[in-house]
Full PDB file with SEQRES, HELIX, SHEET, SSBOND, CRYST1, ORIGX, SCALE, CONECT and MASTER records, all heavy atoms in Angstrom:
SEQRES   1 A   40  GLY LEU LYS TRP ASN LEU THR ASN GLN VAL LEU LYS PHE          
SEQRES   2 A   40  GLY THR LEU VAL SER THR SER ASN THR TYR ASP GLY SER          
SEQRES   3 A   40  GLY ILE VAL THR ILE GLU THR ASP ARG PRO LEU LEU TRP          
SEQRES   4 A   40  THR                                                          
CRYST1    1.000    1.000    1.000  90.00  90.00  90.00 P 1           1          
ORIGX1      1.000000  0.000000  0.000000        0.00000                         
ORIGX2      0.000000  1.000000  0.000000        0.00000                         
ORIGX3      0.000000  0.000000  1.000000        0.00000                         
SCALE1      1.000000  0.000000  0.000000        0.00000                         
SCALE2      0.000000  1.000000  0.000000        0.00000                         
SCALE3      0.000000  0.000000  1.000000        0.00000                         
ATOM      1  N   GLY A   1      -3.485  -5.398  12.513  1.00  0.00           N  
ATOM      2  CA  GLY A   1      -3.706  -6.583  13.323  1.00  0.00           C  
ATOM      3  C   GLY A   1      -4.853  -6.479  14.301  1.00  0.00           C  
ATOM      4  O   GLY A   1      -5.147  -7.443  15.016  1.00  0.00           O  
ATOM      5  N   LEU A   2      -5.505  -5.323  14.354  1.00  0.00           N  
ATOM      6  CA  LEU A   2      -6.657  -5.133  15.235  1.00  0.00           C  
ATOM      7  C   LEU A   2      -7.955  -5.176  14.430  1.00  0.00           C  
ATOM      8  O   LEU A   2      -7.965  -4.929  13.220  1.00  0.00           O  
ATOM      9  CB  LEU A   2      -6.562  -3.791  15.958  1.00  0.00           C  
ATOM     10  CG  LEU A   2      -5.337  -3.589  16.860  1.00  0.00           C  
ATOM     11  CD1 LEU A   2      -5.330  -2.175  17.423  1.00  0.00           C  
ATOM     12  CD2 LEU A   2      -5.312  -4.618  17.985  1.00  0.00           C  
ATOM     13  N   LYS A   3      -9.049  -5.463  15.098  1.00  0.00           N  
ATOM     14  CA  LYS A   3     -10.340  -5.432  14.416  1.00  0.00           C  
ATOM     15  C   LYS A   3     -10.669  -4.014  13.983  1.00  0.00           C  
ATOM     16  O   LYS A   3     -11.178  -3.784  12.887  1.00  0.00           O  
ATOM     17  CB  LYS A   3     -11.432  -5.983  15.339  1.00  0.00           C  
ATOM     18  CG  LYS A   3     -12.796  -6.062  14.669  1.00  0.00           C  
ATOM     19  CD  LYS A   3     -13.837  -6.716  15.568  1.00  0.00           C  
ATOM     20  CE  LYS A   3     -15.181  -6.817  14.856  1.00  0.00           C  
ATOM     21  NZ  LYS A   3     -16.198  -7.474  15.727  1.00  0.00           N  
ATOM     22  N   TRP A   4     -10.362  -3.048  14.863  1.00  0.00           N  
ATOM     23  CA  TRP A   4     -10.591  -1.638  14.539  1.00  0.00           C  
ATOM     24  C   TRP A   4      -9.235  -0.932  14.528  1.00  0.00           C  
ATOM     25  O   TRP A   4      -8.725  -0.499  15.580  1.00  0.00           O  
ATOM     26  CB  TRP A   4     -11.534  -0.995  15.553  1.00  0.00           C  
ATOM     27  CG  TRP A   4     -12.914  -1.568  15.456  1.00  0.00           C  
ATOM     28  CD1 TRP A   4     -13.854  -1.322  14.505  1.00  0.00           C  
ATOM     29  CD2 TRP A   4     -13.504  -2.515  16.361  1.00  0.00           C  
ATOM     30  NE1 TRP A   4     -14.988  -2.054  14.745  1.00  0.00           N  
ATOM     31  CE2 TRP A   4     -14.806  -2.795  15.882  1.00  0.00           C  
ATOM     32  CE3 TRP A   4     -13.063  -3.158  17.519  1.00  0.00           C  
ATOM     33  CZ2 TRP A   4     -15.672  -3.683  16.521  1.00  0.00           C  
ATOM     34  CZ3 TRP A   4     -13.914  -4.050  18.157  1.00  0.00           C  
ATOM     35  CH2 TRP A   4     -15.201  -4.306  17.659  1.00  0.00           C  
ATOM     36  N   ASN A   5      -8.623  -0.866  13.353  1.00  0.00           N  
ATOM     37  CA  ASN A   5      -7.293  -0.278  13.221  1.00  0.00           C  
ATOM     38  C   ASN A   5      -7.346   1.234  13.153  1.00  0.00           C  
ATOM     39  O   ASN A   5      -8.399   1.840  12.876  1.00  0.00           O  
ATOM     40  CB  ASN A   5      -6.593  -0.851  11.983  1.00  0.00           C  
ATOM     41  CG  ASN A   5      -6.020  -2.229  12.234  1.00  0.00           C  
ATOM     42  OD1 ASN A   5      -5.265  -2.424  13.178  1.00  0.00           O  
ATOM     43  ND2 ASN A   5      -6.398  -3.195  11.402  1.00  0.00           N  
ATOM     44  N   LEU A   6      -6.211   1.841  13.411  1.00  0.00           N  
ATOM     45  CA  LEU A   6      -6.053   3.287  13.360  1.00  0.00           C  
ATOM     46  C   LEU A   6      -5.085   3.635  12.230  1.00  0.00           C  
ATOM     47  O   LEU A   6      -4.107   2.921  12.012  1.00  0.00           O  
ATOM     48  CB  LEU A   6      -5.500   3.807  14.686  1.00  0.00           C  
ATOM     49  CG  LEU A   6      -6.284   3.427  15.946  1.00  0.00           C  
ATOM     50  CD1 LEU A   6      -5.459   3.705  17.195  1.00  0.00           C  
ATOM     51  CD2 LEU A   6      -7.612   4.187  16.000  1.00  0.00           C  
ATOM     52  N   THR A   7      -5.342   4.724  11.544  1.00  0.00           N  
ATOM     53  CA  THR A   7      -4.459   5.177  10.470  1.00  0.00           C  
ATOM     54  C   THR A   7      -4.155   6.655  10.662  1.00  0.00           C  
ATOM     55  O   THR A   7      -5.013   7.515  10.415  1.00  0.00           O  
ATOM     56  CB  THR A   7      -5.089   4.959   9.078  1.00  0.00           C  
ATOM     57  OG1 THR A   7      -5.432   3.567   8.938  1.00  0.00           O  
ATOM     58  CG2 THR A   7      -4.112   5.343   7.971  1.00  0.00           C  
ATOM     59  N   ASN A   8      -2.942   6.924  11.174  1.00  0.00           N  
ATOM     60  CA  ASN A   8      -2.525   8.314  11.438  1.00  0.00           C  
ATOM     61  C   ASN A   8      -3.571   9.068  12.246  1.00  0.00           C  
ATOM     62  O   ASN A   8      -3.822  10.249  12.003  1.00  0.00           O  
ATOM     63  CB  ASN A   8      -2.245   9.053  10.125  1.00  0.00           C  
ATOM     64  CG  ASN A   8      -1.081   8.453   9.369  1.00  0.00           C  
ATOM     65  OD1 ASN A   8      -0.088   8.045   9.967  1.00  0.00           O  
ATOM     66  ND2 ASN A   8      -1.209   8.373   8.053  1.00  0.00           N  
ATOM     67  N   GLN A   9      -4.157   8.403  13.221  1.00  0.00           N  
ATOM     68  CA  GLN A   9      -5.230   9.023  13.992  1.00  0.00           C  
ATOM     69  C   GLN A   9      -4.733   9.620  15.301  1.00  0.00           C  
ATOM     70  O   GLN A   9      -3.713   9.200  15.854  1.00  0.00           O  
ATOM     71  CB  GLN A   9      -6.340   8.005  14.268  1.00  0.00           C  
ATOM     72  CG  GLN A   9      -7.231   7.779  13.047  1.00  0.00           C  
ATOM     73  CD  GLN A   9      -8.358   6.819  13.341  1.00  0.00           C  
ATOM     74  OE1 GLN A   9      -8.292   5.640  13.011  1.00  0.00           O  
ATOM     75  NE2 GLN A   9      -9.407   7.329  13.969  1.00  0.00           N  
ATOM     76  N   VAL A  10      -5.466  10.608  15.776  1.00  0.00           N  
ATOM     77  CA  VAL A  10      -5.183  11.235  17.063  1.00  0.00           C  
ATOM     78  C   VAL A  10      -5.862  10.419  18.160  1.00  0.00           C  
ATOM     79  O   VAL A  10      -7.040  10.077  18.062  1.00  0.00           O  
ATOM     80  CB  VAL A  10      -5.713  12.687  17.097  1.00  0.00           C  
ATOM     81  CG1 VAL A  10      -5.556  13.285  18.490  1.00  0.00           C  
ATOM     82  CG2 VAL A  10      -5.005  13.546  16.059  1.00  0.00           C  
ATOM     83  N   LEU A  11      -5.095  10.082  19.193  1.00  0.00           N  
ATOM     84  CA  LEU A  11      -5.665   9.467  20.387  1.00  0.00           C  
ATOM     85  C   LEU A  11      -5.467  10.431  21.543  1.00  0.00           C  
ATOM     86  O   LEU A  11      -4.336  10.789  21.873  1.00  0.00           O  
ATOM     87  CB  LEU A  11      -4.981   8.131  20.708  1.00  0.00           C  
ATOM     88  CG  LEU A  11      -5.267   6.921  19.811  1.00  0.00           C  
ATOM     89  CD1 LEU A  11      -4.576   5.680  20.366  1.00  0.00           C  
ATOM     90  CD2 LEU A  11      -6.763   6.674  19.671  1.00  0.00           C  
ATOM     91  N   LYS A  12      -6.547  10.862  22.150  1.00  0.00           N  
ATOM     92  CA  LYS A  12      -6.466  11.683  23.348  1.00  0.00           C  
ATOM     93  C   LYS A  12      -7.816  11.680  24.035  1.00  0.00           C  
ATOM     94  O   LYS A  12      -8.863  11.479  23.409  1.00  0.00           O  
ATOM     95  CB  LYS A  12      -6.006  13.107  23.041  1.00  0.00           C  
ATOM     96  CG  LYS A  12      -6.983  13.978  22.284  1.00  0.00           C  
ATOM     97  CD  LYS A  12      -6.412  15.394  22.150  1.00  0.00           C  
ATOM     98  CE  LYS A  12      -7.369  16.319  21.421  1.00  0.00           C  
ATOM     99  NZ  LYS A  12      -6.836  17.696  21.328  1.00  0.00           N  
ATOM    100  N   PHE A  13      -7.765  11.900  25.353  1.00  0.00           N  
ATOM    101  CA  PHE A  13      -8.997  11.922  26.119  1.00  0.00           C  
ATOM    102  C   PHE A  13      -9.868  13.085  25.650  1.00  0.00           C  
ATOM    103  O   PHE A  13      -9.385  14.202  25.440  1.00  0.00           O  
ATOM    104  CB  PHE A  13      -8.701  12.030  27.610  1.00  0.00           C  
ATOM    105  CG  PHE A  13      -8.225  10.731  28.214  1.00  0.00           C  
ATOM    106  CD1 PHE A  13      -6.879  10.442  28.288  1.00  0.00           C  
ATOM    107  CD2 PHE A  13      -9.144   9.800  28.677  1.00  0.00           C  
ATOM    108  CE1 PHE A  13      -6.445   9.235  28.829  1.00  0.00           C  
ATOM    109  CE2 PHE A  13      -8.726   8.598  29.212  1.00  0.00           C  
ATOM    110  CZ  PHE A  13      -7.371   8.308  29.291  1.00  0.00           C  
ATOM    111  N   GLY A  14     -11.151  12.813  25.483  1.00  0.00           N  
ATOM    112  CA  GLY A  14     -12.070  13.818  24.980  1.00  0.00           C  
ATOM    113  C   GLY A  14     -12.207  13.779  23.470  1.00  0.00           C  
ATOM    114  O   GLY A  14     -13.054  14.463  22.897  1.00  0.00           O  
ATOM    115  N   THR A  15     -11.368  12.966  22.814  1.00  0.00           N  
ATOM    116  CA  THR A  15     -11.442  12.824  21.358  1.00  0.00           C  
ATOM    117  C   THR A  15     -11.637  11.361  20.985  1.00  0.00           C  
ATOM    118  O   THR A  15     -12.693  10.964  20.519  1.00  0.00           O  
ATOM    119  CB  THR A  15     -10.167  13.371  20.689  1.00  0.00           C  
ATOM    120  OG1 THR A  15     -10.039  14.759  21.015  1.00  0.00           O  
ATOM    121  CG2 THR A  15     -10.242  13.238  19.168  1.00  0.00           C  
ATOM    122  N   LEU A  16     -10.606  10.539  21.221  1.00  0.00           N  
ATOM    123  CA  LEU A  16     -10.700   9.113  20.917  1.00  0.00           C  
ATOM    124  C   LEU A  16      -9.721   8.327  21.779  1.00  0.00           C  
ATOM    125  O   LEU A  16      -8.551   8.712  21.909  1.00  0.00           O  
ATOM    126  CB  LEU A  16     -10.380   8.848  19.433  1.00  0.00           C  
ATOM    127  CG  LEU A  16     -10.365   7.383  18.984  1.00  0.00           C  
ATOM    128  CD1 LEU A  16     -11.764   6.762  19.082  1.00  0.00           C  
ATOM    129  CD2 LEU A  16      -9.835   7.254  17.560  1.00  0.00           C  
ATOM    130  N   VAL A  17     -10.226   7.263  22.380  1.00  0.00           N  
ATOM    131  CA  VAL A  17      -9.391   6.305  23.106  1.00  0.00           C  
ATOM    132  C   VAL A  17      -9.789   4.922  22.606  1.00  0.00           C  
ATOM    133  O   VAL A  17     -10.974   4.612  22.516  1.00  0.00           O  
ATOM    134  CB  VAL A  17      -9.600   6.403  24.633  1.00  0.00           C  
ATOM    135  CG1 VAL A  17      -8.844   5.305  25.353  1.00  0.00           C  
ATOM    136  CG2 VAL A  17      -9.148   7.770  25.140  1.00  0.00           C  
ATOM    137  N   SER A  18      -8.809   4.090  22.265  1.00  0.00           N  
ATOM    138  CA  SER A  18      -9.100   2.771  21.707  1.00  0.00           C  
ATOM    139  C   SER A  18      -9.239   1.750  22.827  1.00  0.00           C  
ATOM    140  O   SER A  18      -8.284   1.087  23.216  1.00  0.00           O  
ATOM    141  CB  SER A  18      -7.994   2.336  20.737  1.00  0.00           C  
ATOM    142  OG  SER A  18      -8.263   1.042  20.222  1.00  0.00           O  
ATOM    143  N   THR A  19     -10.446   1.595  23.352  1.00  0.00           N  
ATOM    144  CA  THR A  19     -10.737   0.577  24.363  1.00  0.00           C  
ATOM    145  C   THR A  19     -11.664  -0.465  23.757  1.00  0.00           C  
ATOM    146  O   THR A  19     -12.297  -0.231  22.720  1.00  0.00           O  
ATOM    147  CB  THR A  19     -11.402   1.184  25.606  1.00  0.00           C  
ATOM    148  OG1 THR A  19     -12.617   1.843  25.205  1.00  0.00           O  
ATOM    149  CG2 THR A  19     -10.490   2.191  26.287  1.00  0.00           C  
ATOM    150  N   SER A  20     -11.738  -1.630  24.407  1.00  0.00           N  
ATOM    151  CA  SER A  20     -12.601  -2.730  23.939  1.00  0.00           C  
ATOM    152  C   SER A  20     -12.345  -3.080  22.480  1.00  0.00           C  
ATOM    153  O   SER A  20     -13.266  -3.438  21.745  1.00  0.00           O  
ATOM    154  CB  SER A  20     -14.080  -2.387  24.150  1.00  0.00           C  
ATOM    155  OG  SER A  20     -14.348  -2.179  25.514  1.00  0.00           O  
ATOM    156  N   ASN A  21     -11.082  -2.961  22.071  1.00  0.00           N  
ATOM    157  CA  ASN A  21     -10.697  -3.414  20.739  1.00  0.00           C  
ATOM    158  C   ASN A  21     -10.428  -4.919  20.817  1.00  0.00           C  
ATOM    159  O   ASN A  21     -10.480  -5.513  21.889  1.00  0.00           O  
ATOM    160  CB  ASN A  21      -9.457  -2.659  20.268  1.00  0.00           C  
ATOM    161  CG  ASN A  21      -9.421  -2.471  18.756  1.00  0.00           C  
ATOM    162  OD1 ASN A  21      -9.850  -3.347  17.999  1.00  0.00           O  
ATOM    163  ND2 ASN A  21      -8.912  -1.332  18.306  1.00  0.00           N  
ATOM    164  N   THR A  22     -10.132  -5.552  19.696  1.00  0.00           N  
ATOM    165  CA  THR A  22      -9.789  -6.963  19.681  1.00  0.00           C  
ATOM    166  C   THR A  22      -8.901  -7.223  18.468  1.00  0.00           C  
ATOM    167  O   THR A  22      -8.497  -6.279  17.764  1.00  0.00           O  
ATOM    168  CB  THR A  22     -11.051  -7.847  19.689  1.00  0.00           C  
ATOM    169  OG1 THR A  22     -10.668  -9.216  19.919  1.00  0.00           O  
ATOM    170  CG2 THR A  22     -11.832  -7.731  18.395  1.00  0.00           C  
ATOM    171  N   TYR A  23      -8.580  -8.486  18.205  1.00  0.00           N  
ATOM    172  CA  TYR A  23      -7.601  -8.826  17.182  1.00  0.00           C  
ATOM    173  C   TYR A  23      -8.280  -9.289  15.889  1.00  0.00           C  
ATOM    174  O   TYR A  23      -9.431  -9.722  15.903  1.00  0.00           O  
ATOM    175  CB  TYR A  23      -6.680  -9.927  17.704  1.00  0.00           C  
ATOM    176  CG  TYR A  23      -6.100  -9.625  19.070  1.00  0.00           C  
ATOM    177  CD1 TYR A  23      -6.586 -10.259  20.209  1.00  0.00           C  
ATOM    178  CD2 TYR A  23      -5.098  -8.682  19.220  1.00  0.00           C  
ATOM    179  CE1 TYR A  23      -6.064  -9.977  21.467  1.00  0.00           C  
ATOM    180  CE2 TYR A  23      -4.577  -8.393  20.476  1.00  0.00           C  
ATOM    181  CZ  TYR A  23      -5.065  -9.045  21.594  1.00  0.00           C  
ATOM    182  OH  TYR A  23      -4.561  -8.745  22.828  1.00  0.00           O  
ATOM    183  N   ASP A  24      -7.524  -9.219  14.789  1.00  0.00           N  
ATOM    184  CA  ASP A  24      -8.087  -9.655  13.507  1.00  0.00           C  
ATOM    185  C   ASP A  24      -7.761 -11.112  13.181  1.00  0.00           C  
ATOM    186  O   ASP A  24      -8.133 -11.618  12.118  1.00  0.00           O  
ATOM    187  CB  ASP A  24      -7.614  -8.743  12.361  1.00  0.00           C  
ATOM    188  CG  ASP A  24      -6.115  -8.876  12.066  1.00  0.00           C  
ATOM    189  OD1 ASP A  24      -5.429  -9.685  12.709  1.00  0.00           O  
ATOM    190  OD2 ASP A  24      -5.635  -8.139  11.166  1.00  0.00           O  
ATOM    191  N   GLY A  25      -7.056 -11.796  14.103  1.00  0.00           N  
ATOM    192  CA  GLY A  25      -6.750 -13.205  13.908  1.00  0.00           C  
ATOM    193  C   GLY A  25      -5.408 -13.484  13.270  1.00  0.00           C  
ATOM    194  O   GLY A  25      -5.001 -14.645  13.130  1.00  0.00           O  
ATOM    195  N   SER A  26      -4.666 -12.447  12.904  1.00  0.00           N  
ATOM    196  CA  SER A  26      -3.365 -12.626  12.253  1.00  0.00           C  
ATOM    197  C   SER A  26      -2.273 -13.045  13.230  1.00  0.00           C  
ATOM    198  O   SER A  26      -1.245 -13.591  12.828  1.00  0.00           O  
ATOM    199  CB  SER A  26      -2.943 -11.328  11.546  1.00  0.00           C  
ATOM    200  OG  SER A  26      -2.724 -10.297  12.504  1.00  0.00           O  
ATOM    201  N   GLY A  27      -2.493 -12.772  14.523  1.00  0.00           N  
ATOM    202  CA  GLY A  27      -1.502 -13.135  15.531  1.00  0.00           C  
ATOM    203  C   GLY A  27      -0.422 -12.096  15.747  1.00  0.00           C  
ATOM    204  O   GLY A  27       0.442 -12.265  16.601  1.00  0.00           O  
ATOM    205  N   ILE A  28      -0.449 -11.020  14.996  1.00  0.00           N  
ATOM    206  CA  ILE A  28       0.546  -9.945  15.126  1.00  0.00           C  
ATOM    207  C   ILE A  28      -0.166  -8.601  15.101  1.00  0.00           C  
ATOM    208  O   ILE A  28      -1.025  -8.347  14.248  1.00  0.00           O  
ATOM    209  CB  ILE A  28       1.588 -10.009  13.997  1.00  0.00           C  
ATOM    210  CG1 ILE A  28       2.454 -11.265  14.129  1.00  0.00           C  
ATOM    211  CG2 ILE A  28       2.484  -8.768  14.016  1.00  0.00           C  
ATOM    212  CD1 ILE A  28       3.450 -11.461  13.010  1.00  0.00           C  
ATOM    213  N   VAL A  29       0.194  -7.743  16.040  1.00  0.00           N  
ATOM    214  CA  VAL A  29      -0.302  -6.365  16.057  1.00  0.00           C  
ATOM    215  C   VAL A  29       0.894  -5.440  15.867  1.00  0.00           C  
ATOM    216  O   VAL A  29       1.906  -5.582  16.564  1.00  0.00           O  
ATOM    217  CB  VAL A  29      -1.000  -6.036  17.392  1.00  0.00           C  
ATOM    218  CG1 VAL A  29      -1.366  -4.552  17.468  1.00  0.00           C  
ATOM    219  CG2 VAL A  29      -2.246  -6.897  17.566  1.00  0.00           C  
ATOM    220  N   THR A  30       0.801  -4.521  14.925  1.00  0.00           N  
ATOM    221  CA  THR A  30       1.842  -3.502  14.782  1.00  0.00           C  
ATOM    222  C   THR A  30       1.261  -2.156  15.190  1.00  0.00           C  
ATOM    223  O   THR A  30       0.091  -1.854  14.924  1.00  0.00           O  
ATOM    224  CB  THR A  30       2.393  -3.411  13.346  1.00  0.00           C  
ATOM    225  OG1 THR A  30       1.378  -2.899  12.474  1.00  0.00           O  
ATOM    226  CG2 THR A  30       2.867  -4.772  12.855  1.00  0.00           C  
ATOM    227  N   ILE A  31       2.082  -1.375  15.853  1.00  0.00           N  
ATOM    228  CA  ILE A  31       1.660  -0.067  16.358  1.00  0.00           C  
ATOM    229  C   ILE A  31       2.782   0.927  16.091  1.00  0.00           C  
ATOM    230  O   ILE A  31       3.941   0.668  16.430  1.00  0.00           O  
ATOM    231  CB  ILE A  31       1.376  -0.109  17.872  1.00  0.00           C  
ATOM    232  CG1 ILE A  31       0.306  -1.156  18.194  1.00  0.00           C  
ATOM    233  CG2 ILE A  31       0.949   1.274  18.393  1.00  0.00           C  
ATOM    234  CD1 ILE A  31       0.283  -1.597  19.642  1.00  0.00           C  
ATOM    235  N   GLU A  32       2.441   2.034  15.484  1.00  0.00           N  
ATOM    236  CA  GLU A  32       3.389   3.132  15.315  1.00  0.00           C  
ATOM    237  C   GLU A  32       2.793   4.365  15.977  1.00  0.00           C  
ATOM    238  O   GLU A  32       1.662   4.751  15.677  1.00  0.00           O  
ATOM    239  CB  GLU A  32       3.682   3.402  13.844  1.00  0.00           C  
ATOM    240  CG  GLU A  32       4.754   4.466  13.631  1.00  0.00           C  
ATOM    241  CD  GLU A  32       5.225   4.597  12.197  1.00  0.00           C  
ATOM    242  OE1 GLU A  32       4.660   3.906  11.325  1.00  0.00           O  
ATOM    243  OE2 GLU A  32       6.158   5.394  11.948  1.00  0.00           O  
ATOM    244  N   THR A  33       3.547   4.946  16.904  1.00  0.00           N  
ATOM    245  CA  THR A  33       3.043   6.085  17.666  1.00  0.00           C  
ATOM    246  C   THR A  33       4.094   7.183  17.774  1.00  0.00           C  
ATOM    247  O   THR A  33       5.294   6.893  17.787  1.00  0.00           O  
ATOM    248  CB  THR A  33       2.580   5.638  19.075  1.00  0.00           C  
ATOM    249  OG1 THR A  33       2.141   6.785  19.823  1.00  0.00           O  
ATOM    250  CG2 THR A  33       3.708   4.969  19.846  1.00  0.00           C  
ATOM    251  N   ASP A  34       3.642   8.417  17.842  1.00  0.00           N  
ATOM    252  CA  ASP A  34       4.584   9.538  17.946  1.00  0.00           C  
ATOM    253  C   ASP A  34       4.847   9.936  19.391  1.00  0.00           C  
ATOM    254  O   ASP A  34       5.747  10.722  19.671  1.00  0.00           O  
ATOM    255  CB  ASP A  34       4.056  10.758  17.171  1.00  0.00           C  
ATOM    256  CG  ASP A  34       2.778  11.324  17.762  1.00  0.00           C  
ATOM    257  OD1 ASP A  34       1.979  10.544  18.333  1.00  0.00           O  
ATOM    258  OD2 ASP A  34       2.560  12.545  17.664  1.00  0.00           O  
ATOM    259  N   ARG A  35       4.064   9.389  20.330  1.00  0.00           N  
ATOM    260  CA  ARG A  35       4.219   9.691  21.750  1.00  0.00           C  
ATOM    261  C   ARG A  35       4.062   8.405  22.561  1.00  0.00           C  
ATOM    262  O   ARG A  35       3.521   7.429  22.070  1.00  0.00           O  
ATOM    263  CB  ARG A  35       3.165  10.712  22.213  1.00  0.00           C  
ATOM    264  CG  ARG A  35       3.188  12.055  21.484  1.00  0.00           C  
ATOM    265  CD  ARG A  35       4.461  12.849  21.753  1.00  0.00           C  
ATOM    266  NE  ARG A  35       4.642  13.155  23.159  1.00  0.00           N  
ATOM    267  CZ  ARG A  35       4.075  14.180  23.787  1.00  0.00           C  
ATOM    268  NH1 ARG A  35       3.254  14.991  23.135  1.00  0.00           N  
ATOM    269  NH2 ARG A  35       4.324  14.395  25.062  1.00  0.00           N  
ATOM    270  N   PRO A  36       4.496   8.397  23.826  1.00  0.00           N  
ATOM    271  CA  PRO A  36       4.268   7.205  24.650  1.00  0.00           C  
ATOM    272  C   PRO A  36       2.788   6.837  24.679  1.00  0.00           C  
ATOM    273  O   PRO A  36       1.914   7.705  24.784  1.00  0.00           O  
ATOM    274  CB  PRO A  36       4.761   7.648  26.033  1.00  0.00           C  
ATOM    275  CG  PRO A  36       5.798   8.691  25.750  1.00  0.00           C  
ATOM    276  CD  PRO A  36       5.272   9.441  24.556  1.00  0.00           C  
ATOM    277  N   LEU A  37       2.516   5.529  24.595  1.00  0.00           N  
ATOM    278  CA  LEU A  37       1.140   5.040  24.461  1.00  0.00           C  
ATOM    279  C   LEU A  37       1.002   3.751  25.264  1.00  0.00           C  
ATOM    280  O   LEU A  37       1.820   2.841  25.118  1.00  0.00           O  
ATOM    281  CB  LEU A  37       0.827   4.789  22.981  1.00  0.00           C  
ATOM    282  CG  LEU A  37      -0.561   4.304  22.599  1.00  0.00           C  
ATOM    283  CD1 LEU A  37      -1.640   5.305  23.007  1.00  0.00           C  
ATOM    284  CD2 LEU A  37      -0.617   4.063  21.082  1.00  0.00           C  
ATOM    285  N   LEU A  38      -0.016   3.678  26.097  1.00  0.00           N  
ATOM    286  CA  LEU A  38      -0.198   2.519  26.960  1.00  0.00           C  
ATOM    287  C   LEU A  38      -0.945   1.409  26.210  1.00  0.00           C  
ATOM    288  O   LEU A  38      -2.043   1.627  25.702  1.00  0.00           O  
ATOM    289  CB  LEU A  38      -0.994   2.911  28.215  1.00  0.00           C  
ATOM    290  CG  LEU A  38      -0.991   1.883  29.343  1.00  0.00           C  
ATOM    291  CD1 LEU A  38       0.368   1.873  30.051  1.00  0.00           C  
ATOM    292  CD2 LEU A  38      -2.099   2.179  30.345  1.00  0.00           C  
ATOM    293  N   TRP A  39      -0.303   0.243  26.128  1.00  0.00           N  
ATOM    294  CA  TRP A  39      -0.944  -0.948  25.561  1.00  0.00           C  
ATOM    295  C   TRP A  39      -1.503  -1.783  26.701  1.00  0.00           C  
ATOM    296  O   TRP A  39      -0.832  -2.002  27.710  1.00  0.00           O  
ATOM    297  CB  TRP A  39       0.087  -1.773  24.788  1.00  0.00           C  
ATOM    298  CG  TRP A  39      -0.368  -3.170  24.432  1.00  0.00           C  
ATOM    299  CD1 TRP A  39      -0.003  -4.319  25.075  1.00  0.00           C  
ATOM    300  CD2 TRP A  39      -1.258  -3.551  23.376  1.00  0.00           C  
ATOM    301  NE1 TRP A  39      -0.603  -5.408  24.477  1.00  0.00           N  
ATOM    302  CE2 TRP A  39      -1.381  -4.965  23.432  1.00  0.00           C  
ATOM    303  CE3 TRP A  39      -1.952  -2.848  22.404  1.00  0.00           C  
ATOM    304  CZ2 TRP A  39      -2.182  -5.675  22.539  1.00  0.00           C  
ATOM    305  CZ3 TRP A  39      -2.748  -3.564  21.509  1.00  0.00           C  
ATOM    306  CH2 TRP A  39      -2.856  -4.946  21.579  1.00  0.00           C  
ATOM    307  N   THR A  40      -2.753  -2.232  26.547  1.00  0.00           N  
ATOM    308  CA  THR A  40      -3.340  -3.118  27.538  1.00  0.00           C  
ATOM    309  C   THR A  40      -4.019  -4.268  26.820  1.00  0.00           C  
ATOM    310  O   THR A  40      -4.510  -4.119  25.701  1.00  0.00           O  
ATOM    311  CB  THR A  40      -4.355  -2.363  28.441  1.00  0.00           C  
ATOM    312  OG1 THR A  40      -4.845  -3.252  29.444  1.00  0.00           O  
ATOM    313  CG2 THR A  40      -5.509  -1.780  27.654  1.00  0.00           C  
TER     314      THR A  40                                                      
MASTER        0    0    0    0    0    0    0    6  313    1    0    4          
END                                                                             
């Protein structure tokens, strides 16, 4: 549901943080995470 989706990717400071993302127009975003993750 995002313009720049993630697939089993690592998110951490110094590696990758998903900022300035946007939507793909579907109206639904799904997120699966193995640790707490801040949505903004």
